[in-house]
C-alpha atoms as a PDB file:
ATOM      1  CA  UNK A   1      29.985 -17.643 -29.630  1.00  0.00           C
ATOM      2  CA  UNK A   2      29.638 -21.406 -29.044  1.00  0.00           C
ATOM      3  CA  UNK A   3      26.207 -22.482 -27.708  1.00  0.00           C
ATOM      4  CA  UNK A   4      27.628 -23.785 -24.434  1.00  0.00           C
ATOM      5  CA  UNK A   5      29.413 -20.500 -23.746  1.00  0.00           C
ATOM      6  CA  UNK A   6      26.262 -18.543 -24.626  1.00  0.00           C
ATOM      7  CA  UNK A   7      24.238 -20.679 -22.194  1.00  0.00           C
ATOM      8  CA  UNK A   8      26.774 -20.102 -19.406  1.00  0.00           C
ATOM      9  CA  UNK A   9      26.850 -16.358 -19.968  1.00  0.00           C
ATOM     10  CA  UNK A  10      23.045 -16.094 -20.014  1.00  0.00           C
ATOM     11  CA  UNK A  11      22.857 -18.367 -16.985  1.00  0.00           C
ATOM     12  CA  UNK A  12      24.894 -15.863 -15.014  1.00  0.00           C
ATOM     13  CA  UNK A  13      23.536 -12.642 -16.504  1.00  0.00           C
ATOM     14  CA  UNK A  14      19.831 -13.356 -16.148  1.00  0.00           C
ATOM     15  CA  UNK A  15      19.932 -13.912 -12.346  1.00  0.00           C
ATOM     16  CA  UNK A  16      22.265 -10.938 -11.944  1.00  0.00           C
ATOM     17  CA  UNK A  17      19.820  -8.707 -13.823  1.00  0.00           C
ATOM     18  CA  UNK A  18      16.921  -9.852 -11.643  1.00  0.00           C
ATOM     19  CA  UNK A  19      18.912  -9.211  -8.464  1.00  0.00           C
ATOM     20  CA  UNK A  20      19.981  -5.795  -9.710  1.00  0.00           C
ATOM     21  CA  UNK A  21      16.357  -4.751 -10.280  1.00  0.00           C
ATOM     22  CA  UNK A  22      14.743  -6.447  -7.269  1.00  0.00           C
ATOM     23  CA  UNK A  23      15.514  -3.695  -4.705  1.00  0.00           C
ATOM     24  CA  UNK A  24      13.504  -1.327  -6.894  1.00  0.00           C
ATOM     25  CA  UNK A  25      10.412  -3.511  -7.043  1.00  0.00           C
ATOM     26  CA  UNK A  26       9.080  -2.714  -3.530  1.00  0.00           C
ATOM     27  CA  UNK A  27       9.299   0.998  -4.328  1.00  0.00           C
ATOM     28  CA  UNK A  28       7.069   0.504  -7.345  1.00  0.00           C
ATOM     29  CA  UNK A  29       4.314  -0.778  -5.054  1.00  0.00           C
ATOM     30  CA  UNK A  30       4.623   2.137  -2.616  1.00  0.00           C
ATOM     31  CA  UNK A  31       1.457   4.130  -2.120  1.00  0.00           C
ATOM     32  CA  UNK A  32       1.281   7.889  -2.344  1.00  0.00           C
ATOM     33  CA  UNK A  33       0.262  10.286   0.387  1.00  0.00           C
ATOM     34  CA  UNK A  34      -2.721  11.698  -1.525  1.00  0.00           C
ATOM     35  CA  UNK A  35      -5.186   9.956   0.770  1.00  0.00           C
ATOM     36  CA  UNK A  36      -4.097  12.212   3.655  1.00  0.00           C
ATOM     37  CA  UNK A  37      -5.254  15.805   4.116  1.00  0.00           C
ATOM     38  CA  UNK A  38      -1.924  17.665   4.324  1.00  0.00           C
ATOM     39  CA  UNK A  39      -3.829  20.923   4.793  1.00  0.00           C
ATOM     40  CA  UNK A  40      -5.090  19.780   8.194  1.00  0.00           C
ATOM     41  CA  UNK A  41      -2.672  19.054  11.037  1.00  0.00           C
ATOM     42  CA  UNK A  42      -3.941  17.260  14.125  1.00  0.00           C
ATOM     43  CA  UNK A  43      -2.061  16.778  17.392  1.00  0.00           C
ATOM     44  CA  UNK A  44      -2.519  13.269  18.757  1.00  0.00           C
ATOM     45  CA  UNK A  45      -1.604  12.431  22.353  1.00  0.00           C
ATOM     46  CA  UNK A  46      -1.756   9.005  23.923  1.00  0.00           C
ATOM     47  CA  UNK A  47       0.090   5.926  25.073  1.00  0.00           C
ATOM     48  CA  UNK A  48       1.395   3.534  22.435  1.00  0.00           C
ATOM     49  CA  UNK A  49      -0.663   0.336  22.453  1.00  0.00           C
ATOM     50  CA  UNK A  50       1.079  -1.537  19.668  1.00  0.00           C
ATOM     51  CA  UNK A  51       4.020  -1.030  17.289  1.00  0.00           C
ATOM     52  CA  UNK A  52       4.703  -2.568  13.876  1.00  0.00           C
ATOM     53  CA  UNK A  53       8.361  -1.891  13.074  1.00  0.00           C
ATOM     54  CA  UNK A  54       8.894  -2.835   9.446  1.00  0.00           C
ATOM     55  CA  UNK A  55       8.920  -1.658   5.864  1.00  0.00           C
ATOM     56  CA  UNK A  56       7.579   0.278   4.175  1.00  0.00           C
ATOM     57  CA  UNK A  57       6.663   2.295   7.293  1.00  0.00           C
ATOM     58  CA  UNK A  58       6.590   1.975  11.047  1.00  0.00           C
ATOM     59  CA  UNK A  59       3.011   2.025  12.333  1.00  0.00           C
ATOM     60  CA  UNK A  60       1.747   2.600  15.840  1.00  0.00           C
ATOM     61  CA  UNK A  61      -1.685   2.276  17.401  1.00  0.00           C
ATOM     62  CA  UNK A  62      -2.803   4.372  20.346  1.00  0.00           C
ATOM     63  CA  UNK A  63      -5.883   5.661  22.105  1.00  0.00           C
ATOM     64  CA  UNK A  64      -6.606   9.305  21.360  1.00  0.00           C
ATOM     65  CA  UNK A  65      -9.542  10.967  23.098  1.00  0.00           C
ATOM     66  CA  UNK A  66     -10.919   7.538  23.990  1.00  0.00           C
ATOM     67  CA  UNK A  67     -10.778   6.201  20.429  1.00  0.00           C
ATOM     68  CA  UNK A  68      -8.270   3.813  18.847  1.00  0.00           C
ATOM     69  CA  UNK A  69      -6.200   5.330  16.037  1.00  0.00           C
ATOM     70  CA  UNK A  70      -3.556   4.012  13.651  1.00  0.00           C
ATOM     71  CA  UNK A  71      -0.628   6.299  12.852  1.00  0.00           C
ATOM     72  CA  UNK A  72       1.711   5.705   9.914  1.00  0.00           C
ATOM     73  CA  UNK A  73       5.234   6.927  10.665  1.00  0.00           C
ATOM     74  CA  UNK A  74       8.426   6.993   8.561  1.00  0.00           C
ATOM     75  CA  UNK A  75      10.369   3.995   7.235  1.00  0.00           C
ATOM     76  CA  UNK A  76      12.460   2.213   9.901  1.00  0.00           C
ATOM     77  CA  UNK A  77      15.770   3.411   8.408  1.00  0.00           C
ATOM     78  CA  UNK A  78      14.660   7.045   8.600  1.00  0.00           C
ATOM     79  CA  UNK A  79      13.399   6.616  12.165  1.00  0.00           C
ATOM     80  CA  UNK A  80      16.748   5.175  13.273  1.00  0.00           C
ATOM     81  CA  UNK A  81      18.722   7.707  11.269  1.00  0.00           C
ATOM     82  CA  UNK A  82      16.922  10.566  12.945  1.00  0.00           C
ATOM     83  CA  UNK A  83      17.461   9.235  16.455  1.00  0.00           C
ATOM     84  CA  UNK A  84      14.437   7.073  17.184  1.00  0.00           C
ATOM     85  CA  UNK A  85      15.479   3.413  17.192  1.00  0.00           C
ATOM     86  CA  UNK A  86      13.014   0.579  17.622  1.00  0.00           C
ATOM     87  CA  UNK A  87      13.862   0.177  21.332  1.00  0.00           C
ATOM     88  CA  UNK A  88      12.728   3.767  22.028  1.00  0.00           C
ATOM     89  CA  UNK A  89       9.207   3.277  20.669  1.00  0.00           C
ATOM     90  CA  UNK A  90       7.353   0.600  22.592  1.00  0.00           C
ATOM     91  CA  UNK A  91       3.932  -0.098  24.068  1.00  0.00           C
ATOM     92  CA  UNK A  92       3.071   1.931  27.131  1.00  0.00           C
ATOM     93  CA  UNK A  93       5.114   5.000  26.242  1.00  0.00           C
ATOM     94  CA  UNK A  94       3.251   8.304  26.005  1.00  0.00           C
ATOM     95  CA  UNK A  95       3.675  10.046  22.652  1.00  0.00           C
ATOM     96  CA  UNK A  96       2.519  13.244  21.029  1.00  0.00           C
ATOM     97  CA  UNK A  97       2.331  13.475  17.243  1.00  0.00           C
ATOM     98  CA  UNK A  98       1.572  16.101  14.648  1.00  0.00           C
ATOM     99  CA  UNK A  99      -0.271  14.235  11.920  1.00  0.00           C
ATOM    100  CA  UNK A 100      -2.472  14.493   8.863  1.00  0.00           C
ATOM    101  CA  UNK A 101      -5.850  12.733   8.879  1.00  0.00           C
ATOM    102  CA  UNK A 102      -6.744  10.143   6.263  1.00  0.00           C
ATOM    103  CA  UNK A 103      -9.449  11.568   3.986  1.00  0.00           C
ATOM    104  CA  UNK A 104     -11.478   8.338   4.041  1.00  0.00           C
ATOM    105  CA  UNK A 105     -10.667   6.733   7.406  1.00  0.00           C
ATOM    106  CA  UNK A 106     -11.089   8.950  10.486  1.00  0.00           C
ATOM    107  CA  UNK A 107      -9.086   6.445  12.576  1.00  0.00           C
ATOM    108  CA  UNK A 108      -5.907   6.659  10.448  1.00  0.00           C
ATOM    109  CA  UNK A 109      -3.264   9.370  10.361  1.00  0.00           C
ATOM    110  CA  UNK A 110       0.135  10.023   8.783  1.00  0.00           C
ATOM    111  CA  UNK A 111       2.640  11.508  11.227  1.00  0.00           C
ATOM    112  CA  UNK A 112       4.782  14.504  10.376  1.00  0.00           C
ATOM    113  CA  UNK A 113       6.677  14.486  13.695  1.00  0.00           C
ATOM    114  CA  UNK A 114       6.652  12.546  16.939  1.00  0.00           C
ATOM    115  CA  UNK A 115       7.569  13.560  20.461  1.00  0.00           C
ATOM    116  CA  UNK A 116       8.601  10.646  22.674  1.00  0.00           C
ATOM    117  CA  UNK A 117      11.022  10.187  25.541  1.00  0.00           C
ATOM    118  CA  UNK A 118      11.877  13.884  25.739  1.00  0.00           C
ATOM    119  CA  UNK A 119      12.841  14.237  22.080  1.00  0.00           C
ATOM    120  CA  UNK A 120      11.148  15.439  18.922  1.00  0.00           C
ATOM    121  CA  UNK A 121      11.785  13.524  15.717  1.00  0.00           C
ATOM    122  CA  UNK A 122      10.906  14.962  12.299  1.00  0.00           C
ATOM    123  CA  UNK A 123       9.640  12.144  10.093  1.00  0.00           C
ATOM    124  CA  UNK A 124       9.840  13.697   6.615  1.00  0.00           C
END
């Protein structure tokens, strides 16, 4: 193969290979759920104070029994796919969640399901 043709082919293949692999890279950095006690389920009730709608997971903050807590939900695509779009989860709304406590941080939980606006959404 002539050098100029080789350079052109590599010039197109190298970027294509990087683009083909790049969607996988965020998944490699994803954390596991081992830091949560899946043997203990807690029901959290409170009004949403703040929402972070983004990858890798939606996160909400609320007051539960007079204390601020952070609750990690499902990825945005799963939330929408299961009937809970971003517009339906906003500050001020009362929610009830079944969640697992973080083993090291008593103010952080991972939600298994959420009840909001008259519907229950399974998050796993």
